[in-house]
Amino acid sequence: MPKTDLELMLSGYGLMTAQIYYRMPDFESLLQSFAWQEYDVAPDFPRLLKFLDFWDRTLDGAIHSVQFSHRQLIAPGDWKTTDGELLIN
């Protein structure tokens, strides 16, 4: 069963955004861009590398360059449970 986004974030995954610049197959002098977001683990980025490998093997547009950013949104220490609740009215 796939993990939810919250489960991924609690297990160390962060939101990774990649901007991929690639050459058009018919017009190699033109660069096109493609934005891709996925939860991934720094510093190895296995999902990004898997996606780029897929791109290289199956798509015609040759990759020119990749820029990416990564932000860990929730760390395991940030998650706290509550022991009670306060009801007003």
C-alpha atoms as a PDB file:
ATOM      1  CA  MET A   1       0.000   0.000   0.000  1.00  0.00           C
ATOM      2  CA  PRO A   2       1.475   3.383  -0.992  1.00  0.00           C
ATOM      3  CA  LYS A   3       2.343   5.779   1.783  1.00  0.00           C
ATOM      4  CA  THR A   4       0.413   9.009   2.172  1.00  0.00           C
ATOM      5  CA  ASP A   5       2.154  12.354   1.736  1.00  0.00           C
ATOM      6  CA  LEU A   6       2.189  12.862   5.517  1.00  0.00           C
ATOM      7  CA  GLU A   7       3.776   9.445   6.083  1.00  0.00           C
ATOM      8  CA  LEU A   8       6.447  10.260   3.497  1.00  0.00           C
ATOM      9  CA  MET A   9       7.213  13.616   5.136  1.00  0.00           C
ATOM     10  CA  LEU A  10       7.452  12.021   8.584  1.00  0.00           C
ATOM     11  CA  SER A  11       9.877   9.420   7.260  1.00  0.00           C
ATOM     12  CA  GLY A  12      12.311  12.068   5.970  1.00  0.00           C
ATOM     13  CA  TYR A  13      11.011  12.889   2.495  1.00  0.00           C
ATOM     14  CA  GLY A  14      10.803  16.507   1.380  1.00  0.00           C
ATOM     15  CA  LEU A  15       9.219  18.274  -1.572  1.00  0.00           C
ATOM     16  CA  MET A  16      11.618  18.374  -4.518  1.00  0.00           C
ATOM     17  CA  THR A  17      10.970  20.589  -7.541  1.00  0.00           C
ATOM     18  CA  ALA A  18      13.031  20.026 -10.682  1.00  0.00           C
ATOM     19  CA  GLN A  19      13.238  22.307 -13.702  1.00  0.00           C
ATOM     20  CA  ILE A  20      14.434  20.199 -16.633  1.00  0.00           C
ATOM     21  CA  TYR A  21      15.729  21.918 -19.761  1.00  0.00           C
ATOM     22  CA  TYR A  22      15.838  19.724 -22.848  1.00  0.00           C
ATOM     23  CA  ARG A  23      16.466  20.075 -26.567  1.00  0.00           C
ATOM     24  CA  MET A  24      13.571  19.721 -28.981  1.00  0.00           C
ATOM     25  CA  PRO A  25      14.122  16.589 -31.130  1.00  0.00           C
ATOM     26  CA  ASP A  26      13.328  18.360 -34.429  1.00  0.00           C
ATOM     27  CA  PHE A  27      14.843  21.754 -33.511  1.00  0.00           C
ATOM     28  CA  GLU A  28      17.988  21.096 -31.478  1.00  0.00           C
ATOM     29  CA  SER A  29      18.845  24.787 -31.220  1.00  0.00           C
ATOM     30  CA  LEU A  30      15.702  25.365 -29.100  1.00  0.00           C
ATOM     31  CA  LEU A  31      15.492  24.611 -25.382  1.00  0.00           C
ATOM     32  CA  GLN A  32      12.204  23.633 -23.801  1.00  0.00           C
ATOM     33  CA  SER A  33      11.549  23.447 -20.060  1.00  0.00           C
ATOM     34  CA  PHE A  34       9.599  20.969 -17.961  1.00  0.00           C
ATOM     35  CA  ALA A  35       8.759  21.352 -14.262  1.00  0.00           C
ATOM     36  CA  TRP A  36       8.383  18.241 -12.086  1.00  0.00           C
ATOM     37  CA  GLN A  37       7.545  17.875  -8.386  1.00  0.00           C
ATOM     38  CA  GLU A  38       7.805  14.790  -6.213  1.00  0.00           C
ATOM     39  CA  TYR A  39       8.581  13.848  -2.635  1.00  0.00           C
ATOM     40  CA  ASP A  40      12.203  12.720  -2.462  1.00  0.00           C
ATOM     41  CA  VAL A  41      15.009  12.141   0.036  1.00  0.00           C
ATOM     42  CA  ALA A  42      18.073  14.409   0.102  1.00  0.00           C
ATOM     43  CA  PRO A  43      20.981  14.148  -0.602  1.00  0.00           C
ATOM     44  CA  ASP A  44      20.691  11.054  -2.830  1.00  0.00           C
ATOM     45  CA  PHE A  45      17.393  11.957  -4.608  1.00  0.00           C
ATOM     46  CA  PRO A  46      16.548   8.409  -5.774  1.00  0.00           C
ATOM     47  CA  ARG A  47      13.194   9.389  -7.330  1.00  0.00           C
ATOM     48  CA  LEU A  48      14.727  12.239  -9.335  1.00  0.00           C
ATOM     49  CA  LEU A  49      17.511   9.997 -10.622  1.00  0.00           C
ATOM     50  CA  LYS A  50      14.989   7.290 -11.533  1.00  0.00           C
ATOM     51  CA  PHE A  51      12.871   9.846 -13.427  1.00  0.00           C
ATOM     52  CA  LEU A  52      15.893  11.248 -15.286  1.00  0.00           C
ATOM     53  CA  ASP A  53      16.977   7.709 -16.196  1.00  0.00           C
ATOM     54  CA  PHE A  54      13.460   7.016 -17.527  1.00  0.00           C
ATOM     55  CA  TRP A  55      13.599  10.257 -19.533  1.00  0.00           C
ATOM     56  CA  ASP A  56      16.991   9.389 -20.985  1.00  0.00           C
ATOM     57  CA  ARG A  57      15.919   5.861 -21.985  1.00  0.00           C
ATOM     58  CA  THR A  58      12.454   6.554 -23.431  1.00  0.00           C
ATOM     59  CA  LEU A  59      12.084  10.186 -24.578  1.00  0.00           C
ATOM     60  CA  ASP A  60      13.626  11.780 -27.646  1.00  0.00           C
ATOM     61  CA  GLY A  61      14.429  15.193 -26.154  1.00  0.00           C
ATOM     62  CA  ALA A  62      18.029  15.206 -24.911  1.00  0.00           C
ATOM     63  CA  ILE A  63      18.408  16.745 -21.451  1.00  0.00           C
ATOM     64  CA  HIS A  64      20.455  19.946 -21.480  1.00  0.00           C
ATOM     65  CA  SER A  65      20.436  20.742 -17.748  1.00  0.00           C
ATOM     66  CA  VAL A  66      18.486  20.222 -14.526  1.00  0.00           C
ATOM     67  CA  GLN A  67      17.958  22.694 -11.690  1.00  0.00           C
ATOM     68  CA  PHE A  68      16.257  21.510  -8.531  1.00  0.00           C
ATOM     69  CA  SER A  69      15.347  22.590  -5.039  1.00  0.00           C
ATOM     70  CA  HIS A  70      14.402  20.532  -2.013  1.00  0.00           C
ATOM     71  CA  ARG A  71      12.592  21.467   1.166  1.00  0.00           C
ATOM     72  CA  GLN A  72      11.836  19.159   4.046  1.00  0.00           C
ATOM     73  CA  LEU A  73       8.385  20.359   5.101  1.00  0.00           C
ATOM     74  CA  ILE A  74       7.937  18.321   8.268  1.00  0.00           C
ATOM     75  CA  ALA A  75      10.635  16.666  10.336  1.00  0.00           C
ATOM     76  CA  PRO A  76       9.854  13.792  12.722  1.00  0.00           C
ATOM     77  CA  GLY A  77      10.560  16.101  15.693  1.00  0.00           C
ATOM     78  CA  ASP A  78       7.946  18.609  14.486  1.00  0.00           C
ATOM     79  CA  TRP A  79       5.038  16.185  14.865  1.00  0.00           C
ATOM     80  CA  LYS A  80       3.321  16.320  18.253  1.00  0.00           C
ATOM     81  CA  THR A  81       0.168  14.695  19.547  1.00  0.00           C
ATOM     82  CA  THR A  82      -2.278  16.397  21.834  1.00  0.00           C
ATOM     83  CA  ASP A  83      -3.413  15.009  25.157  1.00  0.00           C
ATOM     84  CA  GLY A  84      -6.741  16.826  25.234  1.00  0.00           C
ATOM     85  CA  GLU A  85      -8.847  19.460  23.607  1.00  0.00           C
ATOM     86  CA  LEU A  86     -10.467  22.702  24.705  1.00  0.00           C
ATOM     87  CA  LEU A  87     -14.090  23.230  23.700  1.00  0.00           C
ATOM     88  CA  ILE A  88     -15.537  26.721  23.718  1.00  0.00           C
ATOM     89  CA  ASN A  89     -19.321  27.027  23.552  1.00  0.00           C
END
